[in-house]
Amino acid sequence: MKRLRAVIVWLLLYSSTFGMEAWESIQEPRIHFAINCASRSCPPLRSEAYTAARLDQQLNEMTRAFLNNSSEAIKPAGNGYAVSRIFDWYKDGFVASGGTVHLSNKYRNETVPPDAKISFQDYNWNLNEAK
């Protein structure tokens, strides 16, 4: 957990300097549901600050919220499921944690069959404005 906190701090301070390579190197997939760009297809932003004492819990909450409450995360599509493009962009981190289906089933209320065909949704880059 200490390493994860250090990586998050480093990313927040330096990712704009080093770009996407920094994000792609993270092997903690939950981070992609917590820190994002606030576009329509992104997970919602948290209404409170992340804290060291609660980081693991907060990452779990954000992952569950996105995977259970958003058609942007995962939805039935034909004979399989269409998932967020986040799973494609950061696939190395998701593969390291068991893959898209494994991670989804760990945090979703409804499971995805292990042999489900997975495709990726188009990404909506419009601003996710508060209403």
C-alpha atoms as a PDB file:
ATOM      1  CA  MET A   1       0.000   0.000   0.000  1.00  0.00           C
ATOM      2  CA  LYS A   2       2.890   2.405   0.695  1.00  0.00           C
ATOM      3  CA  ARG A   3       4.188   1.861  -2.827  1.00  0.00           C
ATOM      4  CA  LEU A   4       0.734   2.566  -4.271  1.00  0.00           C
ATOM      5  CA  ARG A   5       0.478   5.831  -2.345  1.00  0.00           C
ATOM      6  CA  ALA A   6       3.930   6.852  -3.559  1.00  0.00           C
ATOM      7  CA  VAL A   7       3.011   6.076  -7.166  1.00  0.00           C
ATOM      8  CA  ILE A   8      -0.193   8.104  -6.908  1.00  0.00           C
ATOM      9  CA  VAL A   9       1.650  11.106  -5.472  1.00  0.00           C
ATOM     10  CA  TRP A  10       4.281  10.831  -8.189  1.00  0.00           C
ATOM     11  CA  LEU A  11       1.611  10.666 -10.896  1.00  0.00           C
ATOM     12  CA  LEU A  12      -0.264  13.654  -9.550  1.00  0.00           C
ATOM     13  CA  LEU A  13       2.904  15.728  -9.453  1.00  0.00           C
ATOM     14  CA  TYR A  14       4.652  14.595 -12.621  1.00  0.00           C
ATOM     15  CA  SER A  15       2.268  12.851 -15.036  1.00  0.00           C
ATOM     16  CA  SER A  16       1.618  16.026 -17.025  1.00  0.00           C
ATOM     17  CA  THR A  17       5.369  16.202 -17.633  1.00  0.00           C
ATOM     18  CA  PHE A  18       5.883  12.543 -18.539  1.00  0.00           C
ATOM     19  CA  GLY A  19       2.539  11.779 -20.207  1.00  0.00           C
ATOM     20  CA  MET A  20       0.663   8.524 -20.726  1.00  0.00           C
ATOM     21  CA  GLU A  21       3.713   6.315 -20.196  1.00  0.00           C
ATOM     22  CA  ALA A  22       3.468   7.016 -16.478  1.00  0.00           C
ATOM     23  CA  TRP A  23      -0.159   5.856 -16.307  1.00  0.00           C
ATOM     24  CA  GLU A  24       0.475   2.793 -18.461  1.00  0.00           C
ATOM     25  CA  SER A  25       3.135   1.536 -16.054  1.00  0.00           C
ATOM     26  CA  ILE A  26       0.741   1.253 -13.107  1.00  0.00           C
ATOM     27  CA  GLN A  27      -0.142  -2.302 -12.171  1.00  0.00           C
ATOM     28  CA  GLU A  28      -2.943  -1.201  -9.796  1.00  0.00           C
ATOM     29  CA  PRO A  29      -6.056  -1.270 -11.998  1.00  0.00           C
ATOM     30  CA  ARG A  30      -8.387   0.432  -9.508  1.00  0.00           C
ATOM     31  CA  ILE A  31      -6.528   3.701  -9.969  1.00  0.00           C
ATOM     32  CA  HIS A  32      -8.137   4.106 -13.402  1.00  0.00           C
ATOM     33  CA  PHE A  33     -11.577   4.283 -11.789  1.00  0.00           C
ATOM     34  CA  ALA A  34     -10.450   6.878  -9.262  1.00  0.00           C
ATOM     35  CA  ILE A  35      -8.235   9.394 -11.045  1.00  0.00           C
ATOM     36  CA  ASN A  36      -9.378  10.342 -14.513  1.00  0.00           C
ATOM     37  CA  CYS A  37     -10.119  13.123 -16.967  1.00  0.00           C
ATOM     38  CA  ALA A  38     -13.806  13.839 -16.130  1.00  0.00           C
ATOM     39  CA  SER A  39     -15.155  13.137 -19.608  1.00  0.00           C
ATOM     40  CA  ARG A  40     -18.596  11.546 -20.086  1.00  0.00           C
ATOM     41  CA  SER A  41     -17.116   8.055 -20.473  1.00  0.00           C
ATOM     42  CA  CYS A  42     -14.876   8.381 -17.429  1.00  0.00           C
ATOM     43  CA  PRO A  43     -15.801   7.107 -14.001  1.00  0.00           C
ATOM     44  CA  PRO A  44     -17.346   9.846 -11.857  1.00  0.00           C
ATOM     45  CA  LEU A  45     -15.033  12.003  -9.809  1.00  0.00           C
ATOM     46  CA  ARG A  46     -15.025  11.449  -6.059  1.00  0.00           C
ATOM     47  CA  SER A  47     -16.578  14.221  -3.993  1.00  0.00           C
ATOM     48  CA  GLU A  48     -13.915  13.967  -1.284  1.00  0.00           C
ATOM     49  CA  ALA A  49     -10.132  13.842  -1.212  1.00  0.00           C
ATOM     50  CA  TYR A  50      -8.291  10.541  -1.258  1.00  0.00           C
ATOM     51  CA  THR A  51      -6.495   9.910   2.014  1.00  0.00           C
ATOM     52  CA  ALA A  52      -3.689   7.530   2.909  1.00  0.00           C
ATOM     53  CA  ALA A  53      -5.691   6.033   5.773  1.00  0.00           C
ATOM     54  CA  ARG A  54      -8.665   5.170   3.549  1.00  0.00           C
ATOM     55  CA  LEU A  55      -7.068   4.753   0.124  1.00  0.00           C
ATOM     56  CA  ASP A  56      -7.721   1.027  -0.298  1.00  0.00           C
ATOM     57  CA  GLN A  57     -11.372   1.450   0.737  1.00  0.00           C
ATOM     58  CA  GLN A  58     -11.803   4.501  -1.507  1.00  0.00           C
ATOM     59  CA  LEU A  59     -10.330   2.709  -4.534  1.00  0.00           C
ATOM     60  CA  ASN A  60     -12.650  -0.248  -3.934  1.00  0.00           C
ATOM     61  CA  GLU A  61     -15.667   2.078  -3.651  1.00  0.00           C
ATOM     62  CA  MET A  62     -14.850   3.914  -6.880  1.00  0.00           C
ATOM     63  CA  THR A  63     -14.238   0.669  -8.768  1.00  0.00           C
ATOM     64  CA  ARG A  64     -17.522  -0.843  -7.546  1.00  0.00           C
ATOM     65  CA  ALA A  65     -19.444   2.360  -8.287  1.00  0.00           C
ATOM     66  CA  PHE A  66     -18.224   2.576 -11.863  1.00  0.00           C
ATOM     67  CA  LEU A  67     -18.575  -1.118 -12.701  1.00  0.00           C
ATOM     68  CA  ASN A  68     -22.047  -1.430 -11.154  1.00  0.00           C
ATOM     69  CA  ASN A  69     -23.686   1.883 -12.012  1.00  0.00           C
ATOM     70  CA  SER A  70     -22.554   2.878 -15.452  1.00  0.00           C
ATOM     71  CA  SER A  71     -23.305   1.671 -18.948  1.00  0.00           C
ATOM     72  CA  GLU A  72     -20.021   3.418 -19.777  1.00  0.00           C
ATOM     73  CA  ALA A  73     -18.229   0.670 -17.838  1.00  0.00           C
ATOM     74  CA  ILE A  74     -19.801  -2.505 -19.165  1.00  0.00           C
ATOM     75  CA  LYS A  75     -22.970  -3.473 -20.981  1.00  0.00           C
ATOM     76  CA  PRO A  76     -24.306  -6.442 -22.934  1.00  0.00           C
ATOM     77  CA  ALA A  77     -23.464  -6.219 -26.631  1.00  0.00           C
ATOM     78  CA  GLY A  78     -24.605  -8.905 -29.053  1.00  0.00           C
ATOM     79  CA  ASN A  79     -23.215 -12.223 -27.861  1.00  0.00           C
ATOM     80  CA  GLY A  80     -20.774 -10.625 -25.422  1.00  0.00           C
ATOM     81  CA  TYR A  81     -20.078  -7.430 -23.517  1.00  0.00           C
ATOM     82  CA  ALA A  82     -18.828  -3.987 -24.511  1.00  0.00           C
ATOM     83  CA  VAL A  83     -16.544  -2.515 -21.884  1.00  0.00           C
ATOM     84  CA  SER A  84     -14.982   0.874 -21.338  1.00  0.00           C
ATOM     85  CA  ARG A  85     -12.037   1.721 -23.554  1.00  0.00           C
ATOM     86  CA  ILE A  86     -10.126   2.173 -20.264  1.00  0.00           C
ATOM     87  CA  PHE A  87      -9.768  -1.627 -20.208  1.00  0.00           C
ATOM     88  CA  ASP A  88      -8.030  -1.468 -23.591  1.00  0.00           C
ATOM     89  CA  TRP A  89      -5.782   1.526 -22.945  1.00  0.00           C
ATOM     90  CA  TYR A  90      -4.467   0.155 -19.649  1.00  0.00           C
ATOM     91  CA  LYS A  91      -4.729  -3.545 -20.490  1.00  0.00           C
ATOM     92  CA  ASP A  92      -1.330  -4.419 -19.013  1.00  0.00           C
ATOM     93  CA  GLY A  93      -2.526  -3.391 -15.555  1.00  0.00           C
ATOM     94  CA  PHE A  94      -5.785  -5.269 -15.969  1.00  0.00           C
ATOM     95  CA  VAL A  95      -4.087  -8.402 -17.321  1.00  0.00           C
ATOM     96  CA  ALA A  96      -1.724  -8.368 -14.347  1.00  0.00           C
ATOM     97  CA  SER A  97      -4.769  -8.500 -12.054  1.00  0.00           C
ATOM     98  CA  GLY A  98      -6.469 -11.361 -13.907  1.00  0.00           C
ATOM     99  CA  GLY A  99      -7.974  -9.555 -16.893  1.00  0.00           C
ATOM    100  CA  THR A 100     -11.096  -7.555 -17.654  1.00  0.00           C
ATOM    101  CA  VAL A 101     -13.634 -10.271 -16.853  1.00  0.00           C
ATOM    102  CA  HIS A 102     -11.920 -11.321 -13.627  1.00  0.00           C
ATOM    103  CA  LEU A 103     -11.671  -7.748 -12.370  1.00  0.00           C
ATOM    104  CA  SER A 104     -15.258  -6.985 -13.393  1.00  0.00           C
ATOM    105  CA  ASN A 105     -16.568 -10.048 -11.600  1.00  0.00           C
ATOM    106  CA  LYS A 106     -14.610  -9.189  -8.471  1.00  0.00           C
ATOM    107  CA  TYR A 107     -16.375  -5.816  -8.146  1.00  0.00           C
ATOM    108  CA  ARG A 108     -19.676  -6.154 -10.043  1.00  0.00           C
ATOM    109  CA  ASN A 109     -22.940  -7.425  -8.592  1.00  0.00           C
ATOM    110  CA  GLU A 110     -23.757  -9.203 -11.874  1.00  0.00           C
ATOM    111  CA  THR A 111     -21.061 -11.513 -13.164  1.00  0.00           C
ATOM    112  CA  VAL A 112     -19.805 -11.778 -16.714  1.00  0.00           C
ATOM    113  CA  PRO A 113     -19.290 -15.324 -18.046  1.00  0.00           C
ATOM    114  CA  PRO A 114     -15.562 -16.168 -18.050  1.00  0.00           C
ATOM    115  CA  ASP A 115     -15.670 -16.980 -21.779  1.00  0.00           C
ATOM    116  CA  ALA A 116     -17.638 -13.864 -22.763  1.00  0.00           C
ATOM    117  CA  LYS A 117     -16.596 -12.076 -25.934  1.00  0.00           C
ATOM    118  CA  ILE A 118     -15.302  -8.624 -24.974  1.00  0.00           C
ATOM    119  CA  SER A 119     -15.372  -5.557 -27.209  1.00  0.00           C
ATOM    120  CA  PHE A 120     -14.559  -1.935 -26.426  1.00  0.00           C
ATOM    121  CA  GLN A 121     -16.990   0.960 -26.447  1.00  0.00           C
ATOM    122  CA  ASP A 122     -16.366   4.251 -28.209  1.00  0.00           C
ATOM    123  CA  TYR A 123     -15.171   6.891 -25.773  1.00  0.00           C
ATOM    124  CA  ASN A 124     -17.155  10.065 -25.219  1.00  0.00           C
ATOM    125  CA  TRP A 125     -14.679  12.872 -24.532  1.00  0.00           C
ATOM    126  CA  ASN A 126     -17.353  15.516 -23.834  1.00  0.00           C
ATOM    127  CA  LEU A 127     -17.135  17.088 -20.392  1.00  0.00           C
ATOM    128  CA  ASN A 128     -19.003  15.199 -17.661  1.00  0.00           C
ATOM    129  CA  GLU A 129     -20.714  18.277 -16.253  1.00  0.00           C
ATOM    130  CA  ALA A 130     -22.471  18.298 -12.898  1.00  0.00           C
ATOM    131  CA  LYS A 131     -26.235  18.639 -13.180  1.00  0.00           C
END
